[in-house]
Protein backbone atom coordinates (compact mmCIF):
# COMPACT_ATOMS: atom_id res chain seq x y z
CA UNK A 1 -63.86 -88.36 19.93
CA UNK A 2 -64.92 -88.76 16.28
CA UNK A 3 -68.14 -90.77 16.55
CA UNK A 4 -70.77 -88.59 16.81
CA UNK A 5 -73.47 -88.48 19.63
CA UNK A 6 -76.41 -86.31 20.89
CA UNK A 7 -75.83 -85.80 24.03
CA UNK A 8 -78.64 -84.33 26.63
CA UNK A 9 -78.65 -80.76 28.54
CA UNK A 10 -81.24 -80.18 31.06
CA UNK A 11 -82.76 -76.65 31.86
CA UNK A 12 -85.49 -76.55 34.28
CA UNK A 13 -86.08 -80.15 33.96
CA UNK A 14 -86.08 -80.91 29.99
CA UNK A 15 -83.52 -82.25 28.14
CA UNK A 16 -81.97 -80.31 25.33
CA UNK A 17 -80.33 -81.80 22.94
CA UNK A 18 -76.64 -81.09 21.31
CA UNK A 19 -75.05 -83.10 18.60
CA UNK A 20 -71.48 -83.85 20.03
CA UNK A 21 -69.81 -83.49 16.79
CA UNK A 22 -71.54 -80.42 15.28
CA UNK A 23 -72.51 -78.45 18.54
CA UNK A 24 -75.50 -77.77 16.57
CA UNK A 25 -78.79 -77.72 19.17
CA UNK A 26 -82.49 -78.93 18.48
CA UNK A 27 -84.11 -76.03 18.68
CA UNK A 28 -87.87 -77.56 18.72
CA UNK A 29 -86.04 -79.00 22.38
CA UNK A 30 -86.16 -75.49 23.55
CA UNK A 31 -89.21 -74.23 22.17
CA UNK A 32 -91.33 -76.82 23.38
CA UNK A 33 -90.16 -75.52 26.17
CA UNK A 34 -90.63 -71.90 25.85
CA UNK A 35 -94.35 -72.35 24.77
CA UNK A 36 -95.24 -74.92 27.77
CA UNK A 37 -93.89 -71.70 30.16
CA UNK A 38 -96.26 -69.75 28.56
CA UNK A 39 -99.02 -71.80 28.13
CA UNK A 40 -101.91 -70.27 30.18
CA UNK A 41 -100.24 -66.60 29.91
CA UNK A 42 -101.17 -62.94 27.89
CA UNK A 43 -97.92 -64.66 25.78
CA UNK A 44 -98.19 -65.38 22.76
CA UNK A 45 -96.50 -69.03 21.80
CA UNK A 46 -94.05 -68.51 19.14
CA UNK A 47 -93.08 -71.18 16.15
CA UNK A 48 -89.45 -71.60 14.48
CA UNK A 49 -90.04 -70.55 11.49
CA UNK A 50 -91.28 -67.28 12.10
CA UNK A 51 -87.59 -66.74 13.37
CA UNK A 52 -85.99 -68.30 10.42
CA UNK A 53 -87.72 -65.74 8.24
CA UNK A 54 -87.31 -62.81 9.60
CA UNK A 55 -84.57 -60.54 8.11
CA UNK A 56 -82.51 -60.15 11.40
CA UNK A 57 -82.50 -63.79 11.28
CA UNK A 58 -80.91 -64.29 7.55
CA UNK A 59 -78.89 -61.19 8.21
CA UNK A 60 -77.46 -63.20 11.44
CA UNK A 61 -76.41 -66.00 9.10
CA UNK A 62 -75.25 -64.18 6.81
CA UNK A 63 -72.99 -62.71 8.86
CA UNK A 64 -72.06 -66.09 10.91
CA UNK A 65 -71.09 -67.49 7.50
CA UNK A 66 -68.86 -65.11 6.13
CA UNK A 67 -66.83 -64.88 9.09
CA UNK A 68 -66.99 -68.58 9.85
CA UNK A 69 -65.90 -69.57 6.52
CA UNK A 70 -62.49 -67.28 6.86
CA UNK A 71 -61.55 -69.04 10.43
CA UNK A 72 -59.06 -71.85 10.17
CA UNK A 73 -60.27 -73.31 13.59
CA UNK A 74 -63.93 -73.95 12.25
CA UNK A 75 -64.59 -77.40 10.76
CA UNK A 76 -66.10 -76.78 7.56
CA UNK A 77 -67.10 -80.24 6.59
CA UNK A 78 -69.56 -80.03 9.84
CA UNK A 79 -70.62 -76.53 10.39
CA UNK A 80 -71.12 -74.93 7.02
CA UNK A 81 -71.07 -77.27 4.21
CA UNK A 82 -74.82 -77.93 5.22
CA UNK A 83 -75.57 -74.36 6.71
CA UNK A 84 -76.27 -72.88 9.83
CA UNK A 85 -79.92 -74.42 10.31
CA UNK A 86 -80.56 -78.37 9.59
CA UNK A 87 -84.08 -79.37 9.47
CA UNK A 88 -83.70 -83.35 9.81
CA UNK A 89 -86.65 -85.90 10.05
CA UNK A 90 -87.23 -89.00 12.28
CA UNK A 91 -88.44 -89.93 15.87
CA UNK A 92 -85.78 -89.83 17.70
CA UNK A 93 -83.43 -87.01 16.11
CA UNK A 94 -85.45 -84.79 13.97
CA UNK A 95 -86.30 -81.79 14.27
CA UNK A 96 -84.32 -78.22 13.36
CA UNK A 97 -80.97 -78.25 14.25
CA UNK A 98 -79.20 -74.90 14.60
CA UNK A 99 -75.18 -73.78 14.71
CA UNK A 100 -74.81 -72.27 18.22
CA UNK A 101 -74.04 -69.01 17.19
CA UNK A 102 -78.23 -69.21 15.62
CA UNK A 103 -79.36 -71.26 18.80
CA UNK A 104 -78.47 -68.61 21.14
CA UNK A 105 -79.95 -65.77 18.63
CA UNK A 106 -82.48 -67.98 18.28
CA UNK A 107 -83.53 -67.79 22.73
CA UNK A 108 -83.31 -63.70 22.74
CA UNK A 109 -86.03 -63.81 19.60
CA UNK A 110 -87.75 -65.49 22.43
CA UNK A 111 -86.73 -64.53 25.16
CA UNK A 112 -84.19 -63.11 27.38
CA UNK A 113 -83.59 -65.33 30.31
CA UNK A 114 -83.60 -68.33 27.62
CA UNK A 115 -80.67 -66.52 26.24
CA UNK A 116 -78.59 -66.52 29.29
CA UNK A 117 -79.06 -69.86 29.82
CA UNK A 118 -77.35 -70.84 26.48
CA UNK A 119 -74.69 -68.60 27.06
CA UNK A 120 -74.04 -70.91 30.11
CA UNK A 121 -74.47 -74.10 28.57
CA UNK A 122 -71.91 -72.57 25.78
CA UNK A 123 -69.36 -72.41 28.66
CA UNK A 124 -70.03 -75.04 30.94
CA UNK A 125 -67.54 -77.32 28.65
CA UNK A 126 -69.58 -80.05 29.00
CA UNK A 127 -68.11 -81.89 25.95
CA UNK A 128 -65.31 -80.97 26.71
CA UNK A 129 -66.11 -82.47 30.19
CA UNK A 130 -67.06 -85.32 28.33
CA UNK A 131 -64.33 -86.25 26.18
CA UNK A 132 -61.67 -85.54 28.92
CA UNK A 133 -63.63 -88.69 30.74
CA UNK A 134 -63.23 -90.85 27.66
CA UNK A 135 -59.28 -90.28 27.69
CA UNK A 136 -59.37 -90.87 31.16
CA UNK A 137 -60.80 -94.57 30.78
CA UNK A 138 -58.07 -94.83 27.61
CA UNK A 139 -55.51 -94.50 29.82
CA UNK A 140 -56.99 -97.16 32.49
CA UNK A 141 -56.97 -99.30 29.79
CA UNK A 142 -53.76 -99.31 29.14
CA UNK A 143 -53.00 -99.31 33.03
CA UNK A 144 -54.48 -102.59 32.56
CA UNK A 145 -52.25 -103.98 29.85
CA UNK A 146 -49.66 -102.94 31.30
CA UNK A 147 -50.23 -104.59 34.82
CA UNK A 148 -52.34 -107.62 33.71
CA UNK A 149 -50.10 -111.00 33.83
CA UNK A 150 -51.99 -112.61 31.17
CA UNK A 151 -54.44 -111.24 29.18
CA UNK A 152 -57.99 -111.14 29.59
CA UNK A 153 -60.53 -110.45 27.05
CA UNK A 154 -63.18 -108.90 29.48
CA UNK A 155 -61.19 -106.99 31.79
CA UNK A 156 -61.60 -103.49 29.91
CA UNK A 157 -65.73 -104.57 30.29
CA UNK A 158 -65.74 -105.26 33.23
CA UNK A 159 -63.69 -102.40 34.68
CA UNK A 160 -66.45 -100.07 32.38
CA UNK A 161 -69.45 -101.77 34.09
CA UNK A 162 -67.53 -101.85 37.54
CA UNK A 163 -67.33 -98.03 37.12
CA UNK A 164 -70.77 -96.97 35.20
CA UNK A 165 -72.57 -98.92 38.50
CA UNK A 166 -70.40 -96.88 41.25
CA UNK A 167 -70.71 -93.11 39.23
CA UNK A 168 -74.37 -93.92 37.99
CA UNK A 169 -76.13 -96.69 39.73
CA UNK A 170 -76.11 -98.91 37.15
CA UNK A 171 -73.49 -100.63 34.94
CA UNK A 172 -75.29 -100.06 31.79
CA UNK A 173 -73.37 -98.50 28.16
CA UNK A 174 -74.31 -95.41 27.12
CA UNK A 175 -74.41 -92.92 30.56
CA UNK A 176 -71.69 -91.39 29.96
CA UNK A 177 -73.61 -89.61 26.34
CA UNK A 178 -76.58 -88.31 29.27
CA UNK A 179 -74.74 -87.86 31.93
CA UNK A 180 -74.46 -83.92 33.62
CA UNK A 181 -72.17 -81.75 34.17
CA UNK A 182 -71.35 -82.83 38.34
CA UNK A 183 -71.90 -86.72 37.36
CA UNK A 184 -69.39 -85.91 34.42
CA UNK A 185 -66.58 -84.67 37.23
CA UNK A 186 -67.71 -87.64 39.48
CA UNK A 187 -66.73 -89.45 36.91
CA UNK A 188 -63.38 -87.93 35.80
CA UNK A 189 -62.03 -88.27 39.95
CA UNK A 190 -63.10 -91.76 40.03
CA UNK A 191 -61.52 -92.90 37.03
CA UNK A 192 -58.38 -90.82 38.15
CA UNK A 193 -58.53 -92.96 41.53
CA UNK A 194 -59.13 -96.79 39.19
CA UNK A 195 -55.67 -95.84 37.83
CA UNK A 196 -53.87 -95.44 39.99
CA UNK A 197 -55.21 -98.30 42.42
CA UNK A 198 -54.58 -100.11 38.87
CA UNK A 199 -51.01 -99.47 38.88
CA UNK A 200 -50.63 -99.81 42.65
CA UNK A 201 -51.28 -103.43 41.67
CA UNK A 202 -55.04 -104.07 43.54
CA UNK A 203 -56.91 -106.75 42.74
CA UNK A 204 -59.94 -106.05 40.72
CA UNK A 205 -62.13 -107.99 43.06
CA UNK A 206 -61.42 -104.45 45.39
CA UNK A 207 -60.95 -101.72 43.58
CA UNK A 208 -65.05 -101.75 43.23
CA UNK A 209 -65.22 -101.23 47.09
CA UNK A 210 -62.11 -98.77 47.60
CA UNK A 211 -63.81 -96.78 44.05
CA UNK A 212 -67.39 -96.89 46.29
CA UNK A 213 -65.67 -95.23 48.98
CA UNK A 214 -63.59 -92.49 47.56
CA UNK A 215 -67.28 -91.64 45.32
CA UNK A 216 -68.96 -91.05 48.97
CA UNK A 217 -66.26 -88.92 49.67
CA UNK A 218 -66.33 -86.94 46.94
CA UNK A 219 -69.93 -86.84 45.69
């Protein structure tokens, strides 16, 4: 996927934003959740600036830069050129964005439980699953192209709307960018089933009900 989008990771009912292209996480989302959790307790609320200003944080960032600069698998243009911590203005995607390695260290600085949760986020392959779903829909489009007897300019968009309606309950675009891991798993299975039905010659009007039945079996 070439276009960078912001995806949302659920943590205790709070959405933590992540930039799909760079992998950077929004630190404001995490610290807001932490400060809410300590409100009314003896624990003090924390600030991002305090983390960024401590010696161990600066030393950790220097270590990451030194190691990743020699890593041929790292996209230098998106992860290193602009630094490991990026401050952005704006109401939608503004705030402090951190490289995943910095974000984990930041989570540990807040609370050891947050560190554990963040490591699980990075391990759950949500971005990989999302990309695989995108590739799966490309295969559906190719199947439609290969099997349609006459060109229908709305065939691809209608197929996408139908699948979104079955998986997410709405045909609106953009659902995949905010989907959970469980929803993406269902989406992947529905798309693979749809591709098979198209190849088998099942008409569009029949595929919708058939896929809805399949969803009931796998959901």
